[in-house]
Amino acid sequence: MASVDSIISLLATDSLSYEKKIELKQTGRDQPMFSFAGKRQCRLLDQYSKLTWLTACLIGKSLFCFPCLIFKPSTTAWSSQTGVMT
């Protein structure tokens, strides 16, 4: 699985080819578990199963749209380097 941090690093240092973007997409999204301001972790697990595009970053405690992050970086909050903060 491709972590959000590794994808952001790749995008910052390299102009990714379409083939590399497809490869990243095929490796699958990271689904890390963390708590949101005291809420239970299992709620995020429920969201991963319902929202197949959702991924998260443990370091920034942010949510991201996985396909948007790869194919349309920095065009919306869901694909920027900071994501949607929790």
C-alpha atoms as a PDB file:
ATOM      1  CA  MET A   1       0.000   0.000   0.000  1.00  0.00           C
ATOM      2  CA  ALA A   2       1.145   3.491  -0.777  1.00  0.00           C
ATOM      3  CA  SER A   3       1.226   5.799   2.229  1.00  0.00           C
ATOM      4  CA  VAL A   4       0.100   9.377   1.831  1.00  0.00           C
ATOM      5  CA  ASP A   5       3.496  10.641   2.998  1.00  0.00           C
ATOM      6  CA  SER A   6       5.345   8.605   0.371  1.00  0.00           C
ATOM      7  CA  ILE A   7       2.988   9.798  -2.392  1.00  0.00           C
ATOM      8  CA  ILE A   8       3.392  13.443  -1.364  1.00  0.00           C
ATOM      9  CA  SER A   9       7.191  12.999  -1.283  1.00  0.00           C
ATOM     10  CA  LEU A  10       7.182  11.459  -4.754  1.00  0.00           C
ATOM     11  CA  LEU A  11       5.033  14.257  -6.146  1.00  0.00           C
ATOM     12  CA  ALA A  12       7.214  16.937  -4.551  1.00  0.00           C
ATOM     13  CA  THR A  13      10.463  15.563  -5.942  1.00  0.00           C
ATOM     14  CA  ASP A  14       9.381  14.125  -9.266  1.00  0.00           C
ATOM     15  CA  SER A  15       6.948  14.652 -12.087  1.00  0.00           C
ATOM     16  CA  LEU A  16       5.238  11.271 -12.097  1.00  0.00           C
ATOM     17  CA  SER A  17       4.456   9.588 -15.371  1.00  0.00           C
ATOM     18  CA  TYR A  18       0.965   8.328 -16.022  1.00  0.00           C
ATOM     19  CA  GLU A  19       2.275   4.750 -15.756  1.00  0.00           C
ATOM     20  CA  LYS A  20       3.762   5.456 -12.302  1.00  0.00           C
ATOM     21  CA  LYS A  21       0.474   7.008 -11.173  1.00  0.00           C
ATOM     22  CA  ILE A  22      -1.408   3.898 -12.325  1.00  0.00           C
ATOM     23  CA  GLU A  23       1.122   1.731 -10.482  1.00  0.00           C
ATOM     24  CA  LEU A  24       0.574   3.729  -7.273  1.00  0.00           C
ATOM     25  CA  LYS A  25      -3.194   3.420  -7.645  1.00  0.00           C
ATOM     26  CA  GLN A  26      -2.938  -0.339  -8.148  1.00  0.00           C
ATOM     27  CA  THR A  27      -0.853  -0.797  -4.996  1.00  0.00           C
ATOM     28  CA  GLY A  28      -3.897   0.376  -3.063  1.00  0.00           C
ATOM     29  CA  ARG A  29      -4.591   3.016  -0.504  1.00  0.00           C
ATOM     30  CA  ASP A  30      -3.223   3.087   3.003  1.00  0.00           C
ATOM     31  CA  GLN A  31      -5.886   2.722   5.698  1.00  0.00           C
ATOM     32  CA  PRO A  32      -4.172   3.775   8.933  1.00  0.00           C
ATOM     33  CA  MET A  33      -6.101   3.826  12.175  1.00  0.00           C
ATOM     34  CA  PHE A  34      -6.055   6.796  14.522  1.00  0.00           C
ATOM     35  CA  SER A  35      -8.476   8.570  16.822  1.00  0.00           C
ATOM     36  CA  PHE A  36     -10.249  11.784  15.900  1.00  0.00           C
ATOM     37  CA  ALA A  37     -10.319  14.133  18.870  1.00  0.00           C
ATOM     38  CA  GLY A  38     -11.236  11.372  21.311  1.00  0.00           C
ATOM     39  CA  LYS A  39     -13.570   9.447  19.014  1.00  0.00           C
ATOM     40  CA  ARG A  40     -13.176   5.702  18.613  1.00  0.00           C
ATOM     41  CA  GLN A  41     -10.930   4.259  15.906  1.00  0.00           C
ATOM     42  CA  CYS A  42     -13.556   1.808  14.662  1.00  0.00           C
ATOM     43  CA  ARG A  43     -15.526   4.668  13.137  1.00  0.00           C
ATOM     44  CA  LEU A  44     -12.691   5.300  10.661  1.00  0.00           C
ATOM     45  CA  LEU A  45     -12.656   1.604   9.750  1.00  0.00           C
ATOM     46  CA  ASP A  46     -16.364   1.881   8.914  1.00  0.00           C
ATOM     47  CA  GLN A  47     -15.632   4.870   6.689  1.00  0.00           C
ATOM     48  CA  TYR A  48     -12.874   3.031   4.805  1.00  0.00           C
ATOM     49  CA  SER A  49     -15.343   0.299   3.861  1.00  0.00           C
ATOM     50  CA  LYS A  50     -18.021   2.793   2.787  1.00  0.00           C
ATOM     51  CA  LEU A  51     -15.780   5.344   1.080  1.00  0.00           C
ATOM     52  CA  THR A  52     -13.410   3.397  -1.153  1.00  0.00           C
ATOM     53  CA  TRP A  53     -11.568   6.586  -2.151  1.00  0.00           C
ATOM     54  CA  LEU A  54     -10.688   7.612   1.431  1.00  0.00           C
ATOM     55  CA  THR A  55      -7.159   7.409   2.802  1.00  0.00           C
ATOM     56  CA  ALA A  56      -5.459   9.056   5.762  1.00  0.00           C
ATOM     57  CA  CYS A  57      -2.107  10.298   6.962  1.00  0.00           C
ATOM     58  CA  LEU A  58      -0.998   9.492  10.510  1.00  0.00           C
ATOM     59  CA  ILE A  59       1.703  12.151  10.623  1.00  0.00           C
ATOM     60  CA  GLY A  60      -0.540  15.050   9.621  1.00  0.00           C
ATOM     61  CA  LYS A  61      -3.718  13.481  11.061  1.00  0.00           C
ATOM     62  CA  SER A  62      -5.480  14.342   7.801  1.00  0.00           C
ATOM     63  CA  LEU A  63      -7.855  12.680   5.384  1.00  0.00           C
ATOM     64  CA  PHE A  64      -7.311  12.497   1.620  1.00  0.00           C
ATOM     65  CA  CYS A  65      -9.019  11.378  -1.562  1.00  0.00           C
ATOM     66  CA  PHE A  66      -6.636   8.647  -2.761  1.00  0.00           C
ATOM     67  CA  PRO A  67      -7.242   8.974  -6.552  1.00  0.00           C
ATOM     68  CA  CYS A  68      -7.235  12.793  -6.320  1.00  0.00           C
ATOM     69  CA  LEU A  69      -3.950  12.754  -4.431  1.00  0.00           C
ATOM     70  CA  ILE A  70      -2.297  10.788  -7.238  1.00  0.00           C
ATOM     71  CA  PHE A  71      -3.952  12.254 -10.330  1.00  0.00           C
ATOM     72  CA  LYS A  72      -4.881  15.831  -9.304  1.00  0.00           C
ATOM     73  CA  PRO A  73      -2.452  16.912  -6.584  1.00  0.00           C
ATOM     74  CA  SER A  74      -3.006  20.271  -4.884  1.00  0.00           C
ATOM     75  CA  THR A  75      -6.256  21.152  -6.649  1.00  0.00           C
ATOM     76  CA  THR A  76      -8.519  20.692  -3.615  1.00  0.00           C
ATOM     77  CA  ALA A  77      -8.144  20.241   0.134  1.00  0.00           C
ATOM     78  CA  TRP A  78      -8.708  16.502  -0.390  1.00  0.00           C
ATOM     79  CA  SER A  79      -5.561  16.273  -2.510  1.00  0.00           C
ATOM     80  CA  SER A  80      -3.299  19.047  -1.184  1.00  0.00           C
ATOM     81  CA  GLN A  81      -0.236  18.336   0.922  1.00  0.00           C
ATOM     82  CA  THR A  82      -2.191  19.050   4.120  1.00  0.00           C
ATOM     83  CA  GLY A  83      -5.414  17.201   3.282  1.00  0.00           C
ATOM     84  CA  VAL A  84      -8.572  17.700   5.293  1.00  0.00           C
ATOM     85  CA  MET A  85      -7.522  18.121   8.901  1.00  0.00           C
ATOM     86  CA  THR A  86      -9.246  16.082  11.580  1.00  0.00           C
END
